[in-house]
Amino acid sequence: MAKTETLEEFYQYKFNWLPDNLKKDIGHFNVFRMEDCLGPGKEPAQYSRRDFYKIALMRGRHVYHYADKSVEVSGTTLLFFSPNVPYTFEQLSGDSTGYFCIFTEAFFTSHLRSNIRDLPMFMPHGKPGYQLNKSRDKFVSSVFDRMLEEIGSNYLYKYDLIRNYITEVIHYALKMQPVETLYQHVDANARITAVFTELLERQFPIESPTQRFSLRSARDFAEQLAVHVNHLNRAIRHTTGKTTTDHIFERLASEAKALLKHTNWNVSEISYCLGFEEPAHFNHFFKKQTSLTPSAFRG
């Protein structure tokens, strides 16, 4: 399901445990080595929004998908992600090494006057990637090493020190030009269409009558992708020859057929989980798509 990933979900699927300080009013922070979270047996990052900020130093060749863009990076890249924009990344070659830290807005702003949302790399249409050469990699890595050292210490003011480290990394990046080498094998329209399709498919399969298909309109998807709905519609029509609504309805009809054929759920339950407010609306939709009523299709 495409939704906002919470801190609790992050810890559960990455580590199968929850830290004790997760719900403190001062906010939350943690830092990790990339190699502890990637590789065989580790869950890949899902394309979604998160309810926390993330700063990552990644070595290797990757593509990160950010809103409607897919950006290829290689070498060492410093990445900044905010709760405002959905993202994921995929490893293209070799083993990934590096670091990342996660923190809530409350952690960063509770002791500082600045608003982290106003920083260029965290704005919805900002550019989150910064290429690092060998010396810059060494410097930023040293800051992450200091974060790791402090998070494991008993120093009373360690989180104040860590906030300073986050600020140091942010300002170090702001002095550099962001990298944006768009993935070459697809154009801009194809990229946004691919991300839309992935987001659509992640809502399926429907596995229980309580699960609900929530992104039902072009506007819903545009909001998730942080793009204007007209831009989304133009890109999808240009790439596929069909409208955004056509794709949504075709996928809904396909899932409806599967549920009618392979479950014993009644039509009202199927109607609900596919996002229809009334069974009559579902009946009308299904007949328009298939020329049959749900009951007739089920036979």
Protein backbone atom coordinates (compact mmCIF):
# COMPACT_ATOMS: atom_id res chain seq x y z
CA MET A 1 0.00 0.00 0.00
CA ALA A 2 1.28 3.47 -0.88
CA LYS A 3 1.23 5.53 2.29
CA THR A 4 3.44 7.48 4.64
CA GLU A 5 5.96 5.27 6.39
CA THR A 6 6.13 5.96 10.13
CA LEU A 7 9.17 5.72 12.35
CA GLU A 8 7.66 2.63 13.95
CA GLU A 9 7.31 0.93 10.56
CA PHE A 10 10.86 1.88 9.60
CA TYR A 11 12.30 0.21 12.68
CA GLN A 12 10.02 -2.82 12.42
CA TYR A 13 10.90 -3.76 8.86
CA LYS A 14 14.58 -2.78 9.06
CA PHE A 15 15.44 -4.16 12.49
CA ASN A 16 12.32 -5.75 14.01
CA TRP A 17 12.66 -3.65 17.17
CA LEU A 18 11.64 -0.23 18.47
CA PRO A 19 13.95 2.14 20.37
CA ASP A 20 12.86 3.28 23.81
CA ASN A 21 13.01 6.99 23.00
CA LEU A 22 10.76 6.89 19.92
CA LYS A 23 7.94 8.99 21.31
CA LYS A 24 9.80 11.60 23.33
CA ASP A 25 8.48 15.14 22.94
CA ILE A 26 11.93 16.41 22.01
CA GLY A 27 11.75 14.39 18.79
CA HIS A 28 13.75 11.45 17.56
CA PHE A 29 17.18 10.90 16.01
CA ASN A 30 19.22 7.87 15.01
CA VAL A 31 22.18 7.15 12.77
CA PHE A 32 23.26 3.98 10.94
CA ARG A 33 25.89 2.52 8.66
CA MET A 34 24.41 1.77 5.25
CA GLU A 35 25.89 -1.72 5.08
CA ASP A 36 23.96 -2.70 8.22
CA CYS A 37 20.67 -1.97 6.46
CA LEU A 38 21.24 -3.15 2.88
CA GLY A 39 22.27 -6.38 1.23
CA PRO A 40 20.99 -9.97 1.25
CA GLY A 41 17.97 -10.50 3.47
CA LYS A 42 17.38 -6.78 3.95
CA GLU A 43 14.11 -5.19 2.86
CA PRO A 44 14.45 -2.62 0.03
CA ALA A 45 13.18 0.87 0.66
CA GLN A 46 9.58 1.31 -0.49
CA TYR A 47 8.47 4.25 -2.63
CA SER A 48 6.54 6.40 -0.17
CA ARG A 49 6.63 9.45 2.00
CA ARG A 50 8.15 9.14 5.46
CA ASP A 51 7.15 11.04 8.56
CA PHE A 52 10.80 11.84 9.27
CA TYR A 53 13.80 13.48 7.59
CA LYS A 54 16.73 11.51 6.23
CA ILE A 55 20.30 12.47 5.31
CA ALA A 56 22.35 9.77 3.59
CA LEU A 57 25.90 9.43 2.32
CA MET A 58 25.85 6.67 -0.30
CA ARG A 59 28.75 5.14 -2.17
CA GLY A 60 28.21 3.15 -5.35
CA ARG A 61 25.93 3.44 -8.35
CA HIS A 62 22.24 4.05 -7.68
CA VAL A 63 19.09 5.56 -9.06
CA TYR A 64 16.95 7.48 -6.62
CA HIS A 65 13.32 8.17 -7.46
CA TYR A 66 12.19 11.47 -5.99
CA ALA A 67 8.71 12.81 -6.78
CA ASP A 68 8.51 12.53 -10.58
CA LYS A 69 12.26 12.33 -11.17
CA SER A 70 14.68 9.44 -11.43
CA VAL A 71 18.28 10.52 -10.93
CA GLU A 72 21.29 8.29 -11.51
CA VAL A 73 24.24 8.82 -9.19
CA SER A 74 27.60 7.11 -8.89
CA GLY A 75 30.60 7.49 -6.65
CA THR A 76 29.71 9.19 -3.38
CA THR A 77 26.50 11.18 -3.08
CA LEU A 78 25.05 13.14 -0.18
CA LEU A 79 21.24 12.93 -0.21
CA PHE A 80 18.58 14.85 1.68
CA PHE A 81 14.99 13.62 1.94
CA SER A 82 12.03 15.26 3.67
CA PRO A 83 8.55 14.09 4.72
CA ASN A 84 7.06 16.28 1.98
CA VAL A 85 8.14 14.16 -1.00
CA PRO A 86 7.89 10.41 -1.64
CA TYR A 87 11.13 8.67 -2.59
CA THR A 88 13.02 5.44 -2.89
CA PHE A 89 16.30 4.31 -4.41
CA GLU A 90 17.61 1.23 -6.16
CA GLN A 91 21.12 -0.16 -6.20
CA LEU A 92 22.52 -0.57 -9.73
CA SER A 93 25.84 -2.26 -9.09
CA GLY A 94 28.10 -3.58 -6.37
CA ASP A 95 27.72 -3.25 -2.64
CA SER A 96 26.51 -0.01 -1.09
CA THR A 97 28.40 1.55 1.76
CA GLY A 98 27.94 4.78 3.62
CA TYR A 99 25.80 6.23 6.37
CA PHE A 100 22.38 7.68 6.99
CA CYS A 101 20.62 9.42 9.83
CA ILE A 102 16.92 9.93 10.44
CA PHE A 103 15.27 12.56 12.61
CA THR A 104 11.93 14.21 13.16
CA GLU A 105 11.27 17.89 12.62
CA ALA A 106 10.73 18.30 16.37
CA PHE A 107 14.23 16.99 17.07
CA PHE A 108 15.86 19.55 14.83
CA THR A 109 13.69 22.62 15.48
CA SER A 110 12.90 22.32 19.18
CA HIS A 111 16.24 23.91 20.08
CA LEU A 112 16.80 26.04 16.96
CA ARG A 113 15.12 29.10 15.51
CA SER A 114 15.42 28.03 11.87
CA ASN A 115 12.72 26.04 10.10
CA ILE A 116 14.23 23.00 8.42
CA ARG A 117 11.41 22.89 5.86
CA ASP A 118 12.67 26.17 4.36
CA LEU A 119 16.11 24.81 3.53
CA PRO A 120 16.59 24.35 -0.25
CA MET A 121 17.36 20.62 -0.16
CA PHE A 122 14.22 19.84 1.85
CA MET A 123 11.74 21.89 -0.18
CA PRO A 124 9.24 19.92 -2.34
CA HIS A 125 10.81 21.05 -5.62
CA GLY A 126 14.37 21.16 -4.35
CA LYS A 127 17.29 19.07 -5.58
CA PRO A 128 18.33 16.62 -2.89
CA GLY A 129 21.55 15.15 -4.34
CA TYR A 130 25.11 16.44 -3.88
CA GLN A 131 28.11 14.72 -5.48
CA LEU A 132 31.15 14.30 -3.22
CA ASN A 133 34.75 13.93 -4.30
CA LYS A 134 37.24 11.96 -2.22
CA SER A 135 38.09 14.79 0.18
CA ARG A 136 34.45 15.75 0.67
CA ASP A 137 33.53 12.12 1.26
CA LYS A 138 36.22 11.98 3.94
CA PHE A 139 34.91 15.10 5.67
CA VAL A 140 31.20 14.15 5.66
CA SER A 141 32.06 10.59 6.69
CA SER A 142 33.94 11.99 9.67
CA VAL A 143 30.81 13.91 10.72
CA PHE A 144 28.71 10.74 10.51
CA ASP A 145 31.35 8.88 12.52
CA ARG A 146 31.05 11.54 15.21
CA MET A 147 27.27 11.10 15.19
CA LEU A 148 27.71 7.35 15.65
CA GLU A 149 30.16 7.93 18.48
CA GLU A 150 27.85 10.35 20.28
CA ILE A 151 24.66 8.33 19.88
CA GLY A 152 26.38 5.49 21.74
CA SER A 153 27.75 7.69 24.49
CA ASN A 154 26.36 8.67 27.87
CA TYR A 155 27.17 12.35 27.39
CA LEU A 156 24.33 14.39 28.89
CA TYR A 157 24.19 16.91 26.03
CA LYS A 158 24.89 14.53 23.17
CA TYR A 159 21.74 15.45 21.23
CA ASP A 160 22.68 19.13 21.26
CA LEU A 161 26.01 18.11 19.78
CA ILE A 162 24.30 15.90 17.19
CA ARG A 163 22.06 18.80 16.12
CA ASN A 164 25.23 20.75 15.47
CA TYR A 165 26.54 17.88 13.34
CA ILE A 166 23.33 17.83 11.27
CA THR A 167 23.61 21.59 10.78
CA GLU A 168 27.26 21.20 9.76
CA VAL A 169 26.37 18.64 7.08
CA ILE A 170 23.52 20.82 5.79
CA HIS A 171 25.67 23.93 5.45
CA TYR A 172 28.52 21.94 3.92
CA ALA A 173 26.09 20.79 1.22
CA LEU A 174 24.61 24.25 0.66
CA LYS A 175 28.06 25.44 -0.41
CA MET A 176 28.05 22.88 -3.22
CA GLN A 177 25.97 22.65 -6.39
CA PRO A 178 23.41 19.83 -6.33
CA VAL A 179 23.82 17.00 -8.82
CA GLU A 180 21.01 16.11 -11.18
CA THR A 181 21.97 13.68 -13.92
CA LEU A 182 18.61 12.42 -15.00
CA TYR A 183 18.44 8.73 -15.78
CA GLN A 184 19.23 8.48 -19.48
CA HIS A 185 17.19 5.51 -20.68
CA VAL A 186 13.85 7.24 -20.12
CA ASP A 187 12.59 10.76 -20.78
CA ALA A 188 10.77 12.96 -18.28
CA ASN A 189 7.29 11.80 -19.32
CA ALA A 190 8.30 8.15 -19.12
CA ARG A 191 9.81 8.71 -15.67
CA ILE A 192 6.68 10.19 -14.17
CA THR A 193 4.56 7.50 -15.84
CA ALA A 194 6.77 4.77 -14.38
CA VAL A 195 6.58 6.28 -10.90
CA PHE A 196 2.79 6.68 -11.19
CA THR A 197 2.46 3.05 -12.31
CA GLU A 198 4.60 1.84 -9.42
CA LEU A 199 2.55 3.86 -6.95
CA LEU A 200 -0.67 2.48 -8.42
CA GLU A 201 0.54 -1.11 -8.27
CA ARG A 202 1.74 -0.79 -4.68
CA GLN A 203 -1.86 -0.51 -3.56
CA PHE A 204 -2.48 -4.06 -4.73
CA PRO A 205 -3.26 -6.83 -4.20
CA ILE A 206 -6.17 -6.22 -1.85
CA GLU A 207 -5.67 -8.93 0.78
CA SER A 208 -8.49 -8.34 3.25
CA PRO A 209 -11.91 -6.67 3.27
CA THR A 210 -10.57 -4.06 5.70
CA GLN A 211 -7.78 -2.95 3.34
CA ARG A 212 -8.85 0.03 1.24
CA PHE A 213 -7.73 1.41 -2.11
CA SER A 214 -7.14 5.06 -1.25
CA LEU A 215 -5.56 6.77 -4.27
CA ARG A 216 -8.53 6.84 -6.62
CA SER A 217 -8.08 10.00 -8.70
CA ALA A 218 -5.41 11.72 -10.75
CA ARG A 219 -5.33 14.47 -8.13
CA ASP A 220 -4.67 11.91 -5.37
CA PHE A 221 -1.64 10.62 -7.26
CA ALA A 222 -0.39 14.09 -8.13
CA GLU A 223 -0.43 15.04 -4.45
CA GLN A 224 1.53 11.91 -3.54
CA LEU A 225 4.06 12.62 -6.28
CA ALA A 226 4.34 16.34 -5.41
CA VAL A 227 3.54 17.40 -9.00
CA HIS A 228 0.68 19.38 -10.54
CA VAL A 229 -2.20 17.19 -11.68
CA ASN A 230 -2.08 18.69 -15.19
CA HIS A 231 1.60 17.77 -15.48
CA LEU A 232 0.84 14.21 -14.41
CA ASN A 233 -2.05 13.90 -16.87
CA ARG A 234 -0.02 15.25 -19.80
CA ALA A 235 2.93 12.97 -19.08
CA ILE A 236 0.83 9.83 -18.83
CA ARG A 237 -1.21 10.60 -21.95
CA HIS A 238 1.96 11.41 -23.90
CA THR A 239 3.64 8.16 -22.85
CA THR A 240 0.72 5.73 -23.01
CA GLY A 241 -2.01 7.34 -25.08
CA LYS A 242 -4.41 6.84 -22.18
CA THR A 243 -5.55 9.16 -19.43
CA THR A 244 -4.53 8.82 -15.80
CA THR A 245 -8.13 7.94 -14.99
CA ASP A 246 -8.13 5.22 -17.67
CA HIS A 247 -5.16 3.54 -15.97
CA ILE A 248 -6.73 3.80 -12.51
CA PHE A 249 -10.07 2.44 -13.67
CA GLU A 250 -8.51 -0.41 -15.65
CA ARG A 251 -6.50 -1.48 -12.63
CA LEU A 252 -9.52 -1.19 -10.36
CA ALA A 253 -11.58 -3.33 -12.75
CA SER A 254 -8.81 -5.93 -12.92
CA GLU A 255 -8.64 -6.16 -9.13
CA ALA A 256 -12.41 -6.29 -8.89
CA LYS A 257 -12.47 -9.27 -11.25
CA ALA A 258 -9.80 -11.04 -9.20
CA LEU A 259 -11.67 -10.47 -5.95
CA LEU A 260 -14.97 -11.61 -7.42
CA LYS A 261 -13.34 -14.71 -8.83
CA HIS A 262 -10.94 -15.73 -6.07
CA THR A 263 -12.62 -14.65 -2.80
CA ASN A 264 -15.92 -15.31 -1.12
CA TRP A 265 -16.30 -11.68 -0.07
CA ASN A 266 -19.70 -10.23 -0.80
CA VAL A 267 -20.14 -7.41 -3.28
CA SER A 268 -20.49 -4.81 -0.51
CA GLU A 269 -17.14 -5.83 0.98
CA ILE A 270 -15.42 -5.70 -2.41
CA SER A 271 -17.06 -2.35 -3.11
CA TYR A 272 -15.76 -0.95 0.18
CA CYS A 273 -12.17 -2.15 -0.17
CA LEU A 274 -11.96 -0.75 -3.70
CA GLY A 275 -12.88 2.67 -2.35
CA PHE A 276 -16.52 2.98 -3.40
CA GLU A 277 -18.83 4.65 -0.90
CA GLU A 278 -21.89 2.67 -2.03
CA PRO A 279 -22.24 -0.79 -3.65
CA ALA A 280 -24.46 0.81 -6.28
CA HIS A 281 -21.54 3.01 -7.38
CA PHE A 282 -19.34 -0.08 -7.66
CA ASN A 283 -22.02 -1.92 -9.66
CA HIS A 284 -22.28 1.00 -12.09
CA PHE A 285 -18.49 1.24 -12.43
CA PHE A 286 -18.02 -2.50 -12.97
CA LYS A 287 -20.78 -2.74 -15.56
CA LYS A 288 -19.36 0.23 -17.46
CA GLN A 289 -15.91 -1.42 -17.51
CA THR A 290 -16.96 -5.00 -18.29
CA SER A 291 -20.56 -4.85 -19.57
CA LEU A 292 -21.53 -7.19 -16.71
CA THR A 293 -22.74 -6.63 -13.17
CA PRO A 294 -20.48 -7.98 -10.40
CA SER A 295 -22.99 -10.72 -9.61
CA ALA A 296 -23.27 -11.75 -13.27
CA PHE A 297 -19.48 -11.85 -13.61
CA ARG A 298 -19.18 -14.01 -10.54
CA GLY A 299 -21.85 -16.28 -12.00
